[in-house]
């Protein structure tokens, strides 16, 4: 649902200089290295801007490390790419992809369907998914509940929304500073009346943000 299907890629024989040009021109920081087979694109590795930077010798690259072979500049991406990079499948939940990227400090993951690469999921795609969950042009509110005591927020908000002819856009459980919270977005013209009833009910609300703000 969120991966980039028409992604930039290179072949193992692509020169490092050409890979650098593609990254700069297309404004991407990593390129899957693939081989074209009759059944599709097979992933061999991934090359990043970091790999390209370190590919150049020390006399033109301040980040290079001097060594016995420091002057032997790699010429193709197959010489500098990461072999067997971490990947996800097309049906991997977006939150699992985000957690993997955060844990391993990587900015993108090739998306596989069996042995074929079918897309790439990047930080930008994750941000786009996050925005879609929390953005709305409709009049409404985002309500954050403290659920330390295990309150059934869904039942509560469902009743309030029905009573005030509001609709629930999203409902997410998470933790903030070790505090378990439930974040609910509702939309409709009677948001003021719904919030008035919520405040008077005494339920543990952390904050409320009206939108559009």
C-alpha atoms as a PDB file:
ATOM      1  CA  UNK A   1       0.000   0.000   0.000  1.00  0.00           C
ATOM      2  CA  UNK A   2       2.822   2.449   0.761  1.00  0.00           C
ATOM      3  CA  UNK A   3       5.923   1.197  -1.031  1.00  0.00           C
ATOM      4  CA  UNK A   4       7.380   2.967  -4.054  1.00  0.00           C
ATOM      5  CA  UNK A   5       6.776   0.661  -7.024  1.00  0.00           C
ATOM      6  CA  UNK A   6       8.547   2.691  -9.712  1.00  0.00           C
ATOM      7  CA  UNK A   7      11.891   2.789  -7.908  1.00  0.00           C
ATOM      8  CA  UNK A   8      15.342   3.767  -9.129  1.00  0.00           C
ATOM      9  CA  UNK A   9      17.751   0.845  -9.490  1.00  0.00           C
ATOM     10  CA  UNK A  10      21.105  -0.089 -10.992  1.00  0.00           C
ATOM     11  CA  UNK A  11      22.787  -3.237 -12.272  1.00  0.00           C
ATOM     12  CA  UNK A  12      25.947  -4.721 -10.738  1.00  0.00           C
ATOM     13  CA  UNK A  13      28.048  -3.486 -13.671  1.00  0.00           C
ATOM     14  CA  UNK A  14      26.872   0.112 -13.246  1.00  0.00           C
ATOM     15  CA  UNK A  15      29.812   2.371 -12.492  1.00  0.00           C
ATOM     16  CA  UNK A  16      30.082   4.029  -9.089  1.00  0.00           C
ATOM     17  CA  UNK A  17      30.179   7.398 -10.845  1.00  0.00           C
ATOM     18  CA  UNK A  18      26.922   6.639 -12.682  1.00  0.00           C
ATOM     19  CA  UNK A  19      25.280   5.501  -9.444  1.00  0.00           C
ATOM     20  CA  UNK A  20      26.330   8.774  -7.831  1.00  0.00           C
ATOM     21  CA  UNK A  21      24.846  10.686 -10.780  1.00  0.00           C
ATOM     22  CA  UNK A  22      21.516   8.826 -10.500  1.00  0.00           C
ATOM     23  CA  UNK A  23      21.340   9.449  -6.741  1.00  0.00           C
ATOM     24  CA  UNK A  24      22.024  13.147  -7.217  1.00  0.00           C
ATOM     25  CA  UNK A  25      19.671  13.593 -10.165  1.00  0.00           C
ATOM     26  CA  UNK A  26      16.775  11.582  -8.677  1.00  0.00           C
ATOM     27  CA  UNK A  27      17.412  12.777  -5.108  1.00  0.00           C
ATOM     28  CA  UNK A  28      17.599   9.291  -3.586  1.00  0.00           C
ATOM     29  CA  UNK A  29      20.112   7.990  -1.049  1.00  0.00           C
ATOM     30  CA  UNK A  30      20.161   4.323  -1.958  1.00  0.00           C
ATOM     31  CA  UNK A  31      19.703   2.150  -5.018  1.00  0.00           C
ATOM     32  CA  UNK A  32      18.795  -1.553  -5.180  1.00  0.00           C
ATOM     33  CA  UNK A  33      21.288  -3.498  -7.290  1.00  0.00           C
ATOM     34  CA  UNK A  34      19.382  -5.932  -9.475  1.00  0.00           C
ATOM     35  CA  UNK A  35      19.707  -8.457 -12.268  1.00  0.00           C
ATOM     36  CA  UNK A  36      16.965  -8.799 -14.865  1.00  0.00           C
ATOM     37  CA  UNK A  37      15.701 -12.374 -15.137  1.00  0.00           C
ATOM     38  CA  UNK A  38      12.774 -13.676 -17.216  1.00  0.00           C
ATOM     39  CA  UNK A  39      10.576 -13.787 -14.090  1.00  0.00           C
ATOM     40  CA  UNK A  40      11.471 -10.280 -12.928  1.00  0.00           C
ATOM     41  CA  UNK A  41      14.145  -8.305 -11.067  1.00  0.00           C
ATOM     42  CA  UNK A  42      16.346 -10.310  -8.692  1.00  0.00           C
ATOM     43  CA  UNK A  43      17.923  -8.373  -5.816  1.00  0.00           C
ATOM     44  CA  UNK A  44      21.699  -8.691  -5.473  1.00  0.00           C
ATOM     45  CA  UNK A  45      22.365  -5.931  -2.984  1.00  0.00           C
ATOM     46  CA  UNK A  46      21.878  -2.257  -2.248  1.00  0.00           C
ATOM     47  CA  UNK A  47      24.235   0.687  -2.692  1.00  0.00           C
ATOM     48  CA  UNK A  48      23.935   3.857  -0.619  1.00  0.00           C
ATOM     49  CA  UNK A  49      25.377   7.347  -0.760  1.00  0.00           C
ATOM     50  CA  UNK A  50      27.664   6.292   2.091  1.00  0.00           C
ATOM     51  CA  UNK A  51      29.020   3.433  -0.045  1.00  0.00           C
ATOM     52  CA  UNK A  52      29.610   5.818  -2.937  1.00  0.00           C
ATOM     53  CA  UNK A  53      31.357   8.391  -0.745  1.00  0.00           C
ATOM     54  CA  UNK A  54      33.736   5.820   0.687  1.00  0.00           C
ATOM     55  CA  UNK A  55      34.440   4.382  -2.754  1.00  0.00           C
ATOM     56  CA  UNK A  56      36.544   7.360  -3.759  1.00  0.00           C
ATOM     57  CA  UNK A  57      40.225   7.500  -2.724  1.00  0.00           C
ATOM     58  CA  UNK A  58      41.499   9.713   0.043  1.00  0.00           C
ATOM     59  CA  UNK A  59      43.042  12.318  -2.255  1.00  0.00           C
ATOM     60  CA  UNK A  60      39.521  13.280  -3.437  1.00  0.00           C
ATOM     61  CA  UNK A  61      37.476  12.082  -0.465  1.00  0.00           C
ATOM     62  CA  UNK A  62      38.029  13.482   3.057  1.00  0.00           C
ATOM     63  CA  UNK A  63      35.988  10.593   4.533  1.00  0.00           C
ATOM     64  CA  UNK A  64      38.178   7.842   3.064  1.00  0.00           C
ATOM     65  CA  UNK A  65      40.432   5.781   5.307  1.00  0.00           C
ATOM     66  CA  UNK A  66      44.042   5.468   4.224  1.00  0.00           C
ATOM     67  CA  UNK A  67      45.286   1.917   3.837  1.00  0.00           C
ATOM     68  CA  UNK A  68      47.454  -0.261   1.601  1.00  0.00           C
ATOM     69  CA  UNK A  69      44.738  -0.324  -1.083  1.00  0.00           C
ATOM     70  CA  UNK A  70      43.362   3.159  -0.535  1.00  0.00           C
ATOM     71  CA  UNK A  71      44.362   4.226  -4.048  1.00  0.00           C
ATOM     72  CA  UNK A  72      42.548   1.294  -5.662  1.00  0.00           C
ATOM     73  CA  UNK A  73      39.237   2.984  -6.464  1.00  0.00           C
ATOM     74  CA  UNK A  74      36.266   0.600  -6.966  1.00  0.00           C
ATOM     75  CA  UNK A  75      34.707   1.098 -10.389  1.00  0.00           C
ATOM     76  CA  UNK A  76      31.346  -0.725 -10.212  1.00  0.00           C
ATOM     77  CA  UNK A  77      28.561  -0.828  -7.644  1.00  0.00           C
ATOM     78  CA  UNK A  78      29.033  -4.587  -7.211  1.00  0.00           C
ATOM     79  CA  UNK A  79      32.351  -3.759  -5.504  1.00  0.00           C
ATOM     80  CA  UNK A  80      30.838  -1.427  -2.900  1.00  0.00           C
ATOM     81  CA  UNK A  81      27.214  -2.584  -2.456  1.00  0.00           C
ATOM     82  CA  UNK A  82      25.816  -4.250   0.660  1.00  0.00           C
ATOM     83  CA  UNK A  83      25.153  -7.895  -0.176  1.00  0.00           C
ATOM     84  CA  UNK A  84      22.014  -9.562   1.254  1.00  0.00           C
ATOM     85  CA  UNK A  85      20.465  -6.376   2.684  1.00  0.00           C
ATOM     86  CA  UNK A  86      17.556  -6.498   5.111  1.00  0.00           C
ATOM     87  CA  UNK A  87      14.245  -6.760   3.289  1.00  0.00           C
ATOM     88  CA  UNK A  88      10.506  -6.946   3.894  1.00  0.00           C
ATOM     89  CA  UNK A  89       7.716  -8.619   1.952  1.00  0.00           C
ATOM     90  CA  UNK A  90       4.836  -6.931   0.193  1.00  0.00           C
ATOM     91  CA  UNK A  91       2.447  -7.924   2.999  1.00  0.00           C
ATOM     92  CA  UNK A  92       4.673  -6.823   5.902  1.00  0.00           C
ATOM     93  CA  UNK A  93       2.720  -4.409   8.153  1.00  0.00           C
ATOM     94  CA  UNK A  94       3.953  -0.827   7.739  1.00  0.00           C
ATOM     95  CA  UNK A  95       4.649  -0.521  11.474  1.00  0.00           C
ATOM     96  CA  UNK A  96       6.960  -3.566  11.365  1.00  0.00           C
ATOM     97  CA  UNK A  97       8.903  -2.038   8.478  1.00  0.00           C
ATOM     98  CA  UNK A  98       9.191   1.223  10.418  1.00  0.00           C
ATOM     99  CA  UNK A  99      10.377  -0.613  13.552  1.00  0.00           C
ATOM    100  CA  UNK A 100      13.023  -2.515  11.556  1.00  0.00           C
ATOM    101  CA  UNK A 101      14.302   0.697   9.971  1.00  0.00           C
ATOM    102  CA  UNK A 102      14.460   2.404  13.369  1.00  0.00           C
ATOM    103  CA  UNK A 103      16.146  -0.537  15.125  1.00  0.00           C
ATOM    104  CA  UNK A 104      18.829  -1.035  12.483  1.00  0.00           C
ATOM    105  CA  UNK A 105      19.189   2.673  11.580  1.00  0.00           C
ATOM    106  CA  UNK A 106      18.516   2.216   7.876  1.00  0.00           C
ATOM    107  CA  UNK A 107      16.547   4.553   5.636  1.00  0.00           C
ATOM    108  CA  UNK A 108      14.886   2.097   3.237  1.00  0.00           C
ATOM    109  CA  UNK A 109      14.053  -1.571   2.735  1.00  0.00           C
ATOM    110  CA  UNK A 110      13.648  -3.487  -0.524  1.00  0.00           C
ATOM    111  CA  UNK A 111      10.186  -5.065  -0.755  1.00  0.00           C
ATOM    112  CA  UNK A 112      10.214  -8.663  -1.970  1.00  0.00           C
ATOM    113  CA  UNK A 113       7.656 -11.073  -3.348  1.00  0.00           C
ATOM    114  CA  UNK A 114       9.476 -14.397  -3.069  1.00  0.00           C
ATOM    115  CA  UNK A 115      12.762 -13.820  -4.969  1.00  0.00           C
ATOM    116  CA  UNK A 116      11.565 -10.795  -6.939  1.00  0.00           C
ATOM    117  CA  UNK A 117      11.969  -7.187  -5.790  1.00  0.00           C
ATOM    118  CA  UNK A 118       8.664  -5.374  -6.335  1.00  0.00           C
ATOM    119  CA  UNK A 119       9.316  -2.057  -4.618  1.00  0.00           C
ATOM    120  CA  UNK A 120      11.148  -0.155  -1.909  1.00  0.00           C
ATOM    121  CA  UNK A 121       9.812   1.317   1.326  1.00  0.00           C
ATOM    122  CA  UNK A 122      11.663   4.408   2.550  1.00  0.00           C
ATOM    123  CA  UNK A 123      11.509   6.885   5.422  1.00  0.00           C
ATOM    124  CA  UNK A 124       9.508   9.197   3.162  1.00  0.00           C
ATOM    125  CA  UNK A 125       6.925   6.462   2.584  1.00  0.00           C
ATOM    126  CA  UNK A 126       6.686   5.862   6.343  1.00  0.00           C
ATOM    127  CA  UNK A 127       6.148   9.597   6.940  1.00  0.00           C
ATOM    128  CA  UNK A 128       3.469   9.618   4.221  1.00  0.00           C
ATOM    129  CA  UNK A 129       1.655   6.726   5.920  1.00  0.00           C
ATOM    130  CA  UNK A 130       1.930   8.432   9.322  1.00  0.00           C
ATOM    131  CA  UNK A 131       0.483  11.686   7.952  1.00  0.00           C
ATOM    132  CA  UNK A 132      -2.428   9.827   6.365  1.00  0.00           C
ATOM    133  CA  UNK A 133      -3.335   8.362   9.764  1.00  0.00           C
ATOM    134  CA  UNK A 134      -3.340  11.684  11.584  1.00  0.00           C
ATOM    135  CA  UNK A 135      -4.334  14.299   9.011  1.00  0.00           C
ATOM    136  CA  UNK A 136      -7.822  15.400   8.058  1.00  0.00           C
ATOM    137  CA  UNK A 137      -9.403  18.443   6.424  1.00  0.00           C
ATOM    138  CA  UNK A 138     -12.662  17.849   8.266  1.00  0.00           C
ATOM    139  CA  UNK A 139     -13.688  19.640  11.430  1.00  0.00           C
ATOM    140  CA  UNK A 140     -12.925  17.485  14.440  1.00  0.00           C
ATOM    141  CA  UNK A 141     -10.482  16.733  17.237  1.00  0.00           C
ATOM    142  CA  UNK A 142      -7.626  14.485  18.282  1.00  0.00           C
ATOM    143  CA  UNK A 143      -8.157  13.171  21.803  1.00  0.00           C
ATOM    144  CA  UNK A 144      -5.405  11.459  23.793  1.00  0.00           C
ATOM    145  CA  UNK A 145      -6.590   9.240  26.667  1.00  0.00           C
ATOM    146  CA  UNK A 146      -4.541   7.899  29.562  1.00  0.00           C
ATOM    147  CA  UNK A 147      -5.251   4.156  29.505  1.00  0.00           C
ATOM    148  CA  UNK A 148      -3.075   3.183  32.461  1.00  0.00           C
ATOM    149  CA  UNK A 149      -6.101   1.561  34.107  1.00  0.00           C
ATOM    150  CA  UNK A 150      -7.086  -0.301  30.942  1.00  0.00           C
ATOM    151  CA  UNK A 151     -10.182   1.719  30.080  1.00  0.00           C
ATOM    152  CA  UNK A 152     -12.161   0.594  27.017  1.00  0.00           C
ATOM    153  CA  UNK A 153     -11.740   3.778  25.003  1.00  0.00           C
ATOM    154  CA  UNK A 154     -13.339   2.307  21.897  1.00  0.00           C
ATOM    155  CA  UNK A 155     -16.651   1.713  23.656  1.00  0.00           C
ATOM    156  CA  UNK A 156     -16.592   5.181  25.229  1.00  0.00           C
ATOM    157  CA  UNK A 157     -15.766   7.070  22.043  1.00  0.00           C
ATOM    158  CA  UNK A 158     -18.171   4.933  20.032  1.00  0.00           C
ATOM    159  CA  UNK A 159     -21.055   5.904  22.296  1.00  0.00           C
ATOM    160  CA  UNK A 160     -20.108   9.598  22.273  1.00  0.00           C
ATOM    161  CA  UNK A 161     -19.642   9.660  18.519  1.00  0.00           C
ATOM    162  CA  UNK A 162     -22.998   8.016  17.889  1.00  0.00           C
ATOM    163  CA  UNK A 163     -24.784  10.340  20.299  1.00  0.00           C
ATOM    164  CA  UNK A 164     -23.329  13.475  18.685  1.00  0.00           C
ATOM    165  CA  UNK A 165     -23.391  12.224  15.083  1.00  0.00           C
ATOM    166  CA  UNK A 166     -19.606  12.188  14.817  1.00  0.00           C
ATOM    167  CA  UNK A 167     -17.412   9.675  13.000  1.00  0.00           C
ATOM    168  CA  UNK A 168     -14.242   8.000  14.274  1.00  0.00           C
ATOM    169  CA  UNK A 169     -11.355   8.479  11.826  1.00  0.00           C
ATOM    170  CA  UNK A 170      -8.664   6.533  13.687  1.00  0.00           C
ATOM    171  CA  UNK A 171      -7.900   4.938  17.036  1.00  0.00           C
ATOM    172  CA  UNK A 172      -4.357   3.977  18.006  1.00  0.00           C
ATOM    173  CA  UNK A 173      -2.838   2.593  21.211  1.00  0.00           C
ATOM    174  CA  UNK A 174       0.770   3.565  21.913  1.00  0.00           C
ATOM    175  CA  UNK A 175       3.161   4.616  24.697  1.00  0.00           C
ATOM    176  CA  UNK A 176       4.509   8.086  25.374  1.00  0.00           C
ATOM    177  CA  UNK A 177       7.241   8.490  28.004  1.00  0.00           C
ATOM    178  CA  UNK A 178       6.224   5.068  29.415  1.00  0.00           C
ATOM    179  CA  UNK A 179       2.599   6.224  29.712  1.00  0.00           C
ATOM    180  CA  UNK A 180       0.127   3.991  27.818  1.00  0.00           C
ATOM    181  CA  UNK A 181      -2.197   6.194  25.797  1.00  0.00           C
ATOM    182  CA  UNK A 182      -4.926   5.843  23.196  1.00  0.00           C
ATOM    183  CA  UNK A 183      -5.097   8.512  20.501  1.00  0.00           C
ATOM    184  CA  UNK A 184      -8.475   8.964  18.830  1.00  0.00           C
ATOM    185  CA  UNK A 185      -9.408  11.236  15.936  1.00  0.00           C
ATOM    186  CA  UNK A 186     -13.045  12.153  15.432  1.00  0.00           C
ATOM    187  CA  UNK A 187     -14.710  14.387  12.849  1.00  0.00           C
ATOM    188  CA  UNK A 188     -18.056  16.103  12.548  1.00  0.00           C
ATOM    189  CA  UNK A 189     -19.894  19.354  13.140  1.00  0.00           C
ATOM    190  CA  UNK A 190     -20.819  18.589  16.764  1.00  0.00           C
ATOM    191  CA  UNK A 191     -17.275  18.251  18.063  1.00  0.00           C
ATOM    192  CA  UNK A 192     -17.809  20.984  20.680  1.00  0.00           C
ATOM    193  CA  UNK A 193     -20.798  19.235  22.234  1.00  0.00           C
ATOM    194  CA  UNK A 194     -18.998  15.893  22.217  1.00  0.00           C
ATOM    195  CA  UNK A 195     -15.953  17.353  23.953  1.00  0.00           C
ATOM    196  CA  UNK A 196     -18.119  19.119  26.553  1.00  0.00           C
ATOM    197  CA  UNK A 197     -19.682  15.776  27.490  1.00  0.00           C
ATOM    198  CA  UNK A 198     -16.285  14.098  27.522  1.00  0.00           C
ATOM    199  CA  UNK A 199     -14.778  16.711  29.863  1.00  0.00           C
ATOM    200  CA  UNK A 200     -17.719  16.483  32.268  1.00  0.00           C
ATOM    201  CA  UNK A 201     -17.550  12.675  32.312  1.00  0.00           C
ATOM    202  CA  UNK A 202     -14.262  12.636  34.233  1.00  0.00           C
ATOM    203  CA  UNK A 203     -12.471  10.217  31.898  1.00  0.00           C
ATOM    204  CA  UNK A 204      -8.626  10.482  32.031  1.00  0.00           C
ATOM    205  CA  UNK A 205      -7.847  12.723  29.029  1.00  0.00           C
ATOM    206  CA  UNK A 206      -4.214  13.797  28.495  1.00  0.00           C
ATOM    207  CA  UNK A 207      -4.972  16.446  25.875  1.00  0.00           C
ATOM    208  CA  UNK A 208      -7.324  17.513  23.111  1.00  0.00           C
ATOM    209  CA  UNK A 209      -6.335  19.202  19.856  1.00  0.00           C
ATOM    210  CA  UNK A 210      -9.049  20.706  17.661  1.00  0.00           C
ATOM    211  CA  UNK A 211      -8.621  20.717  13.894  1.00  0.00           C
ATOM    212  CA  UNK A 212      -8.348  22.522  11.633  1.00  0.00           C
ATOM    213  CA  UNK A 213      -6.330  24.440  14.209  1.00  0.00           C
END
